[in-house]
Amino acid sequence: QVQLVESGGGLVQAGGSLRVSCAASGRTLSDYAMGWFRQAPGKEREFVAGINWSGGRTYYADSVKGRFTISRDNAKNTVYLQMNILTPEDTAVYYCTAGRFLGYSGSSDVGSYDYWGQGTQVTVSS
């Protein structure tokens, strides 16, 4: 079992930056690929970014490419999502997720991940 706890969400003005974190416990984080998804009111949960077990490969949704950066520190069992140039369209609950894959390539399939955090709210005001 892996427990994931997100933190760092909040309210930010458009154009600003925010970093959300995901702390894992229960198992060694390096056994898992990690991802960030988000869900806005009335919308489906969507893939934002993913990172393989070593951090050597990262993947992004087109909507955040060039603005968001995913990273991980396996020694701290923590994954980060640095979000820059935020827009009101980025407003959502952000979820951290972990999964075991053979050859992770940034899966956007919610069902392919094994563990999920409770989410952290990010609100971007215009």
Foldseek 3Di string as FASTA:
>chain_A
DKAKAKDWADEAAAQAKTKMKIAIDDDQQLQWKKFKWWDDPPGDIWGAKIAHSVRPDIDGDPVQPPFWDWGDDRVRRMIMIIGGRDDQVPWTWMKMFIAHDDDDDRDGDPVRTDDIYPTDTHGYHD
